[in-house]
Amino acid sequence: MKKFNYSAKNEKGELVSGEIDTVNQSSAARILIAKKLYPIEIKDIREGELSFEKVPFFKGVSRKRKSVAIRQLATLINAGLPITQSLETMAKESGDTKLKDIFTDVLHEVEGGASLAQASSKHTEVFSNLDISLVTAGEKSGTLDKVLKRMATQLEKETQLISKVRGAMIYPAIILIVVVGVVLLMLIYVLPKLTVLYQDFKGQLPLATRVMIMISDFLKNFWWALILAFISFAFGLKYFIKTDSGRRFWDLAKLKIPGVKILLMKIYLARYTRTLGTLVGSGVSVLDSLKITADSVGNVIYKEDVLKASNEIRAGGSLSHSLSSSKLFPSVVSQMIRVGEQTGEIDNMLDSLANYYEEEVDTAIKSLSTLIEPLIIVFMGLAVGGILIAIMTPIYNISQVIFKK
């Protein structure tokens, strides 16, 4: 939000001036015209000041807060309040500063004659193409409150799905960090102190001990090179993934990792069916729904298959038939969609599929975490055990020599 100074003429031809809060000069002009003021000059009085809204870190709103706000807006509209009054209430009652500014600007845009979808589309850091399409469909069909409730449900389900995945990975990640920490501690601090003892050992040290000493010396002397290499690799990988070929390679590679492949496929299927069901159920055409869903799945390989299905439908085919030949979509998906097409309840079938795959994701996450935890513990045992053997073998040999003497 920005502050603008304006000078304008009213219906009587009198010159008036004041301040207005909105997103840009065009928006300010529309608001003034809606108030029957004809702008002469509009200036940004905050120009040159540091605005945290321009900093990417401060952009965006969490899915949870967004879903709560949308459900509240749907409740207000369903209660019979006009859209402007509903937006005004949301702007006043919102506890999130970012959301408050957004609802205030959307309110000004709507008062200036814009539709809710048009006003929301100016805030791409919060409202996606999926959101805008749903609001557009709701406004056209006169079921905006129902569509907003579907949007809130969609966001809640997506939030739950992400939380489950992240939650399941926390414990294995902590164990892995502990393993790496213990190994580094032994290599950097414990082994060098024992190296002094090994220097008086006249015999040749075991191969494992020599390797460990080499690794320890490298970490002590060239730790900065290791950190630099890691940072370079991370940035290089990030840049590579941003390219079209890199993104496709990365998304394809993820679908070939044993164990993880099954989980990811179920996540993509849950996201696909939930998003498509929400769009179709809100009145968006199947072709438009598929185009939006293709971008929402989160995997280029799935996107290509969804767009291919869209082309087949455009040529006169059905959605169920277009998916039946795909290796990425199980037969149960095309079969249930076929039933939905025959009964006219494709959105309900897609919602049922989404619920099914979300439960499957939950089960797959538990199975994967159950498998990962013992593997990490075994890895920890082997790593620490290997270091201990490398450390203790020369000490044992030295003691044997001393004992013989």
Protein backbone atom coordinates (compact mmCIF):
# COMPACT_ATOMS: atom_id res chain seq x y z
CA MET A 1 0.00 0.00 0.00
CA LYS A 2 1.16 3.52 -0.82
CA LYS A 3 0.04 7.02 0.15
CA PHE A 4 -0.82 9.48 -2.62
CA ASN A 5 -1.50 13.21 -2.55
CA TYR A 6 -4.20 14.19 -5.01
CA SER A 7 -5.87 17.29 -6.33
CA ALA A 8 -9.20 16.92 -8.11
CA LYS A 9 -12.39 18.74 -9.03
CA ASN A 10 -15.79 17.78 -7.66
CA GLU A 11 -19.14 17.95 -9.47
CA LYS A 12 -19.43 21.66 -8.68
CA GLY A 13 -16.06 22.37 -10.27
CA GLU A 14 -14.41 23.10 -6.94
CA LEU A 15 -10.78 22.14 -6.41
CA VAL A 16 -10.26 19.62 -3.60
CA SER A 17 -7.15 17.85 -2.35
CA GLY A 18 -6.23 15.14 0.12
CA GLU A 19 -4.51 11.80 0.70
CA ILE A 20 -5.49 8.33 -0.42
CA ASP A 21 -4.10 4.86 0.38
CA THR A 22 -3.94 2.41 -2.52
CA VAL A 23 -1.52 0.32 -4.55
CA ASN A 24 -0.74 2.65 -7.49
CA GLN A 25 -1.77 5.85 -9.29
CA SER A 26 -4.23 4.08 -11.62
CA SER A 27 -6.01 2.58 -8.64
CA ALA A 28 -6.11 5.99 -6.95
CA ALA A 29 -7.66 7.55 -10.06
CA ARG A 30 -10.40 4.86 -10.22
CA ILE A 31 -11.25 5.36 -6.56
CA LEU A 32 -11.50 9.16 -7.00
CA ILE A 33 -13.71 8.80 -10.09
CA ALA A 34 -15.97 6.39 -8.18
CA LYS A 35 -16.37 9.13 -5.57
CA LYS A 36 -17.29 11.57 -8.39
CA LEU A 37 -13.99 13.41 -8.11
CA TYR A 38 -12.10 14.12 -11.33
CA PRO A 39 -8.34 13.91 -10.70
CA ILE A 40 -5.98 16.61 -11.86
CA GLU A 41 -2.77 15.42 -10.21
CA ILE A 42 -1.80 12.32 -8.19
CA LYS A 43 1.63 12.09 -6.52
CA ASP A 44 3.26 9.35 -4.49
CA ILE A 45 4.23 11.04 -1.19
CA ARG A 46 6.25 8.02 -0.05
CA GLU A 47 8.51 7.96 -3.12
CA GLY A 48 12.12 7.47 -2.16
CA GLU A 49 11.29 5.88 1.21
CA LEU A 50 12.29 2.32 2.06
CA SER A 51 9.26 0.08 1.59
CA PHE A 52 9.35 -3.38 3.14
CA GLU A 53 6.64 -4.46 0.68
CA LYS A 54 9.32 -4.43 -2.02
CA VAL A 55 11.51 -6.84 -0.09
CA PRO A 56 10.72 -10.47 -1.12
CA PHE A 57 11.08 -11.72 2.47
CA PHE A 58 8.07 -9.66 3.54
CA LYS A 59 5.86 -10.78 0.67
CA GLY A 60 3.25 -13.46 0.87
CA VAL A 61 0.93 -14.88 3.49
CA SER A 62 1.02 -18.39 4.96
CA ARG A 63 -1.48 -20.92 3.62
CA LYS A 64 -3.03 -21.29 7.07
CA ARG A 65 -3.72 -17.56 7.52
CA LYS A 66 -4.91 -17.29 3.95
CA SER A 67 -7.36 -20.19 4.31
CA VAL A 68 -8.78 -18.76 7.56
CA ALA A 69 -9.25 -15.32 5.95
CA ILE A 70 -10.97 -16.76 2.86
CA ARG A 71 -13.32 -18.87 4.97
CA GLN A 72 -14.21 -15.81 7.06
CA LEU A 73 -14.92 -13.82 3.88
CA ALA A 74 -17.12 -16.65 2.58
CA THR A 75 -19.06 -16.66 5.86
CA LEU A 76 -19.67 -12.90 5.68
CA ILE A 77 -20.89 -13.10 2.07
CA ASN A 78 -23.06 -16.12 2.88
CA ALA A 79 -24.63 -14.12 5.74
CA GLY A 80 -25.94 -11.62 3.20
CA LEU A 81 -23.40 -8.80 3.58
CA PRO A 82 -22.48 -6.93 0.36
CA ILE A 83 -19.02 -7.68 -0.99
CA THR A 84 -17.76 -4.17 -0.12
CA GLN A 85 -18.95 -4.43 3.48
CA SER A 86 -17.48 -7.92 3.77
CA LEU A 87 -14.10 -6.69 2.52
CA GLU A 88 -14.23 -3.69 4.85
CA THR A 89 -14.91 -5.99 7.80
CA MET A 90 -12.01 -8.26 6.82
CA ALA A 91 -9.69 -5.25 6.49
CA LYS A 92 -10.62 -4.04 9.99
CA GLU A 93 -10.65 -7.40 11.73
CA SER A 94 -7.61 -9.03 10.10
CA GLY A 95 -4.77 -9.50 12.59
CA ASP A 96 -2.20 -9.91 9.82
CA THR A 97 -0.77 -6.58 8.59
CA LYS A 98 -0.17 -7.91 5.08
CA LEU A 99 -3.69 -9.28 4.78
CA LYS A 100 -5.13 -6.05 6.16
CA ASP A 101 -3.34 -4.02 3.48
CA ILE A 102 -4.45 -6.44 0.77
CA PHE A 103 -8.12 -6.40 1.80
CA THR A 104 -8.01 -2.60 2.04
CA ASP A 105 -6.62 -2.29 -1.48
CA VAL A 106 -9.05 -4.89 -2.86
CA LEU A 107 -11.90 -2.95 -1.23
CA HIS A 108 -10.76 0.29 -2.92
CA GLU A 109 -10.50 -1.48 -6.28
CA VAL A 110 -13.99 -2.98 -5.95
CA GLU A 111 -15.40 0.40 -4.93
CA GLY A 112 -13.74 1.78 -8.06
CA GLY A 113 -15.71 -0.64 -10.25
CA ALA A 114 -13.39 -3.63 -10.50
CA SER A 115 -14.57 -7.17 -9.88
CA LEU A 116 -13.22 -9.13 -6.90
CA ALA A 117 -11.19 -11.31 -9.26
CA GLN A 118 -9.68 -8.29 -11.03
CA ALA A 119 -8.83 -6.62 -7.72
CA SER A 120 -7.28 -9.82 -6.32
CA SER A 121 -5.19 -10.44 -9.45
CA LYS A 122 -3.02 -7.42 -8.58
CA HIS A 123 -1.64 -9.32 -5.58
CA THR A 124 0.12 -12.23 -7.26
CA GLU A 125 2.33 -12.78 -4.20
CA VAL A 126 -0.77 -14.02 -2.34
CA PHE A 127 -3.39 -15.01 -4.93
CA SER A 128 -2.42 -17.61 -7.53
CA ASN A 129 -3.95 -18.24 -10.96
CA LEU A 130 -6.00 -20.98 -9.29
CA ASP A 131 -7.45 -18.49 -6.79
CA ILE A 132 -8.29 -15.92 -9.47
CA SER A 133 -9.96 -18.53 -11.70
CA LEU A 134 -12.09 -19.79 -8.80
CA VAL A 135 -13.20 -16.27 -7.80
CA THR A 136 -14.01 -15.46 -11.44
CA ALA A 137 -16.15 -18.60 -11.72
CA GLY A 138 -17.88 -17.80 -8.43
CA GLU A 139 -18.73 -14.24 -9.50
CA LYS A 140 -20.07 -15.39 -12.87
CA SER A 141 -22.23 -18.15 -11.36
CA GLY A 142 -23.41 -16.13 -8.35
CA THR A 143 -21.99 -18.72 -5.93
CA LEU A 144 -19.03 -16.74 -4.65
CA ASP A 145 -19.52 -17.82 -1.02
CA LYS A 146 -19.53 -21.51 -1.96
CA VAL A 147 -16.48 -21.10 -4.20
CA LEU A 148 -14.60 -19.28 -1.44
CA LYS A 149 -15.39 -22.13 0.95
CA ARG A 150 -13.97 -24.59 -1.61
CA MET A 151 -10.88 -22.41 -1.89
CA ALA A 152 -10.43 -22.47 1.89
CA THR A 153 -10.86 -26.26 1.96
CA GLN A 154 -8.33 -26.62 -0.86
CA LEU A 155 -5.79 -24.53 1.08
CA GLU A 156 -6.45 -26.43 4.32
CA LYS A 157 -5.93 -29.79 2.62
CA GLU A 158 -2.75 -28.56 0.93
CA THR A 159 -1.45 -27.25 4.27
CA GLN A 160 -2.19 -30.57 6.00
CA LEU A 161 -0.43 -32.48 3.23
CA ILE A 162 2.72 -30.35 3.44
CA SER A 163 2.70 -30.49 7.25
CA LYS A 164 2.54 -34.30 7.20
CA VAL A 165 5.50 -34.56 4.83
CA ARG A 166 7.60 -32.06 6.79
CA GLY A 167 6.64 -33.59 10.13
CA ALA A 168 7.65 -37.06 9.02
CA MET A 169 11.08 -35.83 7.89
CA ILE A 170 11.95 -33.91 11.07
CA TYR A 171 13.05 -36.91 13.18
CA PRO A 172 15.22 -38.55 10.47
CA ALA A 173 16.77 -35.14 9.73
CA ILE A 174 17.66 -34.64 13.40
CA ILE A 175 19.23 -38.11 13.60
CA LEU A 176 21.23 -37.45 10.42
CA ILE A 177 22.52 -34.13 11.80
CA VAL A 178 23.58 -35.89 15.02
CA VAL A 179 25.39 -38.59 13.01
CA VAL A 180 27.29 -36.05 10.94
CA GLY A 181 28.10 -34.04 14.08
CA VAL A 182 29.48 -37.05 15.94
CA VAL A 183 31.59 -38.15 12.96
CA LEU A 184 33.02 -34.65 12.46
CA LEU A 185 33.74 -34.32 16.21
CA MET A 186 35.71 -37.56 16.22
CA LEU A 187 37.61 -36.71 13.04
CA ILE A 188 38.48 -33.12 13.98
CA TYR A 189 39.08 -33.34 17.74
CA VAL A 190 39.53 -36.96 18.88
CA LEU A 191 41.67 -38.46 16.09
CA PRO A 192 44.32 -35.66 15.96
CA LYS A 193 45.05 -36.08 19.68
CA LEU A 194 45.69 -39.78 19.17
CA THR A 195 47.89 -39.19 16.11
CA VAL A 196 50.70 -38.09 18.47
CA LEU A 197 50.56 -41.53 20.06
CA TYR A 198 50.72 -43.21 16.64
CA GLN A 199 53.91 -41.33 15.68
CA ASP A 200 55.98 -43.47 18.07
CA PHE A 201 54.56 -46.64 16.58
CA LYS A 202 57.35 -48.07 14.41
CA GLY A 203 55.14 -50.42 12.41
CA GLN A 204 52.93 -49.38 9.55
CA LEU A 205 49.50 -48.13 10.58
CA PRO A 206 46.45 -50.04 9.32
CA LEU A 207 44.93 -48.76 6.05
CA ALA A 208 41.69 -47.65 7.78
CA THR A 209 43.67 -45.57 10.30
CA ARG A 210 45.79 -43.94 7.56
CA VAL A 211 42.65 -43.04 5.61
CA MET A 212 41.02 -41.57 8.70
CA ILE A 213 44.13 -39.51 9.48
CA MET A 214 44.18 -38.17 5.89
CA ILE A 215 40.50 -37.19 6.16
CA SER A 216 41.12 -35.59 9.55
CA ASP A 217 44.08 -33.56 8.23
CA PHE A 218 42.04 -32.42 5.22
CA LEU A 219 39.13 -31.28 7.41
CA LYS A 220 41.48 -29.39 9.74
CA ASN A 221 43.41 -27.64 6.97
CA PHE A 222 40.89 -27.30 4.17
CA TRP A 223 37.51 -27.01 5.94
CA TRP A 224 36.95 -23.70 4.14
CA ALA A 225 37.34 -25.41 0.75
CA LEU A 226 34.75 -28.01 1.74
CA ILE A 227 32.26 -25.29 2.77
CA LEU A 228 32.98 -23.33 -0.43
CA ALA A 229 32.45 -26.46 -2.55
CA PHE A 230 29.17 -27.20 -0.78
CA ILE A 231 27.88 -23.64 -1.27
CA SER A 232 28.98 -23.65 -4.93
CA PHE A 233 27.25 -26.97 -5.51
CA ALA A 234 24.04 -25.75 -3.83
CA PHE A 235 23.91 -22.56 -5.92
CA GLY A 236 24.85 -24.43 -9.07
CA LEU A 237 22.11 -27.01 -8.49
CA LYS A 238 19.58 -24.26 -7.77
CA TYR A 239 20.50 -22.45 -11.00
CA PHE A 240 20.38 -25.71 -12.98
CA ILE A 241 16.91 -26.56 -11.65
CA LYS A 242 15.64 -23.13 -12.73
CA THR A 243 16.40 -23.94 -16.38
CA ASP A 244 13.78 -25.84 -18.41
CA SER A 245 16.04 -28.83 -19.06
CA GLY A 246 17.29 -28.83 -15.48
CA ARG A 247 13.79 -28.73 -14.05
CA ARG A 248 12.69 -31.61 -16.24
CA PHE A 249 15.76 -33.68 -15.31
CA TRP A 250 15.22 -32.98 -11.59
CA ASP A 251 11.48 -33.82 -11.65
CA LEU A 252 12.14 -36.99 -13.63
CA ALA A 253 14.94 -38.04 -11.26
CA LYS A 254 12.66 -37.65 -8.24
CA LEU A 255 10.21 -40.09 -9.81
CA LYS A 256 12.90 -42.75 -10.08
CA ILE A 257 14.13 -42.79 -6.46
CA PRO A 258 13.05 -46.10 -4.85
CA GLY A 259 10.62 -45.60 -1.97
CA VAL A 260 10.40 -41.84 -2.50
CA LYS A 261 8.88 -42.35 -5.96
CA ILE A 262 5.68 -43.92 -4.56
CA LEU A 263 5.24 -41.15 -2.00
CA LEU A 264 5.78 -38.36 -4.55
CA MET A 265 3.38 -39.91 -7.06
CA LYS A 266 0.65 -40.07 -4.42
CA ILE A 267 1.32 -36.45 -3.43
CA TYR A 268 1.05 -35.32 -7.07
CA LEU A 269 -2.13 -37.36 -7.59
CA ALA A 270 -3.69 -35.92 -4.43
CA ARG A 271 -2.81 -32.40 -5.55
CA TYR A 272 -4.06 -33.03 -9.11
CA THR A 273 -7.42 -34.49 -8.12
CA ARG A 274 -8.04 -31.92 -5.35
CA THR A 275 -7.21 -28.93 -7.58
CA LEU A 276 -9.12 -30.21 -10.62
CA GLY A 277 -12.13 -31.16 -8.49
CA THR A 278 -12.20 -27.71 -6.87
CA LEU A 279 -12.02 -25.93 -10.24
CA VAL A 280 -14.62 -28.09 -12.02
CA GLY A 281 -16.94 -27.99 -9.01
CA SER A 282 -16.72 -24.19 -9.01
CA GLY A 283 -17.85 -23.93 -12.63
CA VAL A 284 -14.52 -23.50 -14.43
CA SER A 285 -14.44 -25.28 -17.81
CA VAL A 286 -12.55 -28.57 -17.98
CA LEU A 287 -9.97 -27.20 -20.44
CA ASP A 288 -9.24 -24.14 -18.31
CA SER A 289 -9.20 -26.33 -15.20
CA LEU A 290 -6.63 -28.68 -16.73
CA LYS A 291 -4.41 -25.77 -17.76
CA ILE A 292 -4.42 -24.33 -14.24
CA THR A 293 -4.02 -27.77 -12.65
CA ALA A 294 -1.01 -28.51 -14.85
CA ASP A 295 0.82 -25.58 -13.26
CA SER A 296 -0.35 -26.47 -9.75
CA VAL A 297 0.79 -30.12 -9.59
CA GLY A 298 4.43 -29.15 -9.02
CA ASN A 299 6.13 -31.58 -11.41
CA VAL A 300 7.02 -30.93 -15.07
CA ILE A 301 6.52 -34.59 -16.05
CA TYR A 302 2.97 -34.57 -14.68
CA LYS A 303 2.38 -31.17 -16.26
CA GLU A 304 3.25 -32.57 -19.70
CA ASP A 305 0.77 -35.43 -19.24
CA VAL A 306 -2.00 -33.10 -18.05
CA LEU A 307 -1.47 -30.74 -21.01
CA LYS A 308 -1.47 -33.75 -23.34
CA ALA A 309 -4.84 -34.77 -21.88
CA SER A 310 -6.06 -31.21 -22.44
CA ASN A 311 -5.12 -31.41 -26.13
CA GLU A 312 -6.98 -34.71 -26.51
CA ILE A 313 -10.11 -33.23 -24.92
CA ARG A 314 -9.87 -30.22 -27.24
CA ALA A 315 -9.82 -32.70 -30.15
CA GLY A 316 -13.06 -34.29 -28.91
CA GLY A 317 -11.88 -36.94 -26.45
CA SER A 318 -12.87 -37.44 -22.83
CA LEU A 319 -10.78 -36.78 -19.74
CA SER A 320 -10.99 -40.38 -18.56
CA HIS A 321 -9.82 -41.73 -21.93
CA SER A 322 -6.95 -39.26 -22.16
CA LEU A 323 -5.63 -40.36 -18.76
CA SER A 324 -6.10 -44.10 -19.30
CA SER A 325 -3.00 -44.31 -21.53
CA SER A 326 -0.75 -42.43 -19.09
CA LYS A 327 1.73 -44.36 -16.93
CA LEU A 328 1.62 -41.62 -14.28
CA PHE A 329 -2.09 -42.05 -13.53
CA PRO A 330 -3.30 -45.38 -12.10
CA SER A 331 -6.29 -47.02 -13.76
CA VAL A 332 -8.48 -46.26 -10.73
CA VAL A 333 -8.19 -42.53 -11.53
CA SER A 334 -9.44 -42.86 -15.11
CA GLN A 335 -12.15 -45.34 -14.05
CA MET A 336 -13.58 -43.09 -11.33
CA ILE A 337 -13.42 -40.06 -13.61
CA ARG A 338 -15.31 -42.08 -16.25
CA VAL A 339 -18.03 -42.80 -13.70
CA GLY A 340 -18.10 -39.09 -12.85
CA GLU A 341 -18.46 -38.16 -16.51
CA GLN A 342 -21.34 -40.60 -16.94
CA THR A 343 -23.20 -39.45 -13.80
CA GLY A 344 -22.37 -35.73 -14.13
CA GLU A 345 -20.60 -35.72 -10.77
CA ILE A 346 -16.99 -35.53 -11.88
CA ASP A 347 -16.14 -32.98 -9.15
CA ASN A 348 -17.40 -35.33 -6.41
CA MET A 349 -15.44 -38.23 -7.89
CA LEU A 350 -12.29 -36.10 -8.00
CA ASP A 351 -12.83 -35.03 -4.38
CA SER A 352 -13.21 -38.69 -3.39
CA LEU A 353 -9.99 -39.53 -5.22
CA ALA A 354 -8.24 -36.62 -3.48
CA ASN A 355 -9.37 -37.88 -0.06
CA TYR A 356 -8.21 -41.38 -0.96
CA TYR A 357 -4.75 -40.27 -2.10
CA GLU A 358 -4.30 -37.96 0.88
CA GLU A 359 -4.89 -40.95 3.15
CA GLU A 360 -2.46 -42.95 1.01
CA VAL A 361 0.13 -40.19 1.41
CA ASP A 362 -0.31 -40.36 5.19
CA THR A 363 0.25 -44.13 5.12
CA ALA A 364 3.22 -43.86 2.74
CA ILE A 365 4.87 -41.19 4.92
CA LYS A 366 4.58 -43.39 8.02
CA SER A 367 6.01 -46.37 6.11
CA LEU A 368 8.87 -44.30 4.67
CA SER A 369 9.80 -42.75 8.02
CA THR A 370 9.66 -46.23 9.63
CA LEU A 371 12.10 -47.45 6.95
CA ILE A 372 14.42 -44.41 7.06
CA GLU A 373 14.93 -44.29 10.85
CA PRO A 374 16.56 -47.74 11.27
CA LEU A 375 18.65 -47.17 8.12
CA ILE A 376 20.03 -43.93 9.56
CA ILE A 377 20.73 -45.63 12.90
CA VAL A 378 22.57 -48.47 11.08
CA PHE A 379 24.52 -45.87 9.10
CA MET A 380 25.39 -44.08 12.34
CA GLY A 381 26.56 -47.34 13.90
CA LEU A 382 28.73 -48.23 10.89
CA ALA A 383 30.24 -44.73 10.66
CA VAL A 384 31.07 -44.41 14.34
CA GLY A 385 32.10 -48.06 14.57
CA GLY A 386 34.42 -47.70 11.59
CA ILE A 387 36.12 -44.67 13.15
CA LEU A 388 36.49 -46.44 16.50
CA ILE A 389 38.07 -49.47 14.81
CA ALA A 390 40.49 -47.19 12.93
CA ILE A 391 41.39 -45.47 16.22
CA MET A 392 41.62 -48.53 18.46
CA THR A 393 43.45 -50.98 16.18
CA PRO A 394 46.86 -49.19 16.40
CA ILE A 395 46.42 -48.71 20.16
CA TYR A 396 45.78 -52.43 20.51
CA ASN A 397 48.89 -53.20 18.43
CA ILE A 398 51.00 -50.84 20.57
CA SER A 399 49.77 -52.48 23.77
CA GLN A 400 50.63 -55.89 22.35
CA VAL A 401 54.19 -54.75 21.63
CA ILE A 402 54.59 -53.22 25.11
CA PHE A 403 53.14 -56.33 26.75
CA LYS A 404 55.64 -58.58 24.91
CA LYS A 405 58.50 -56.45 26.13
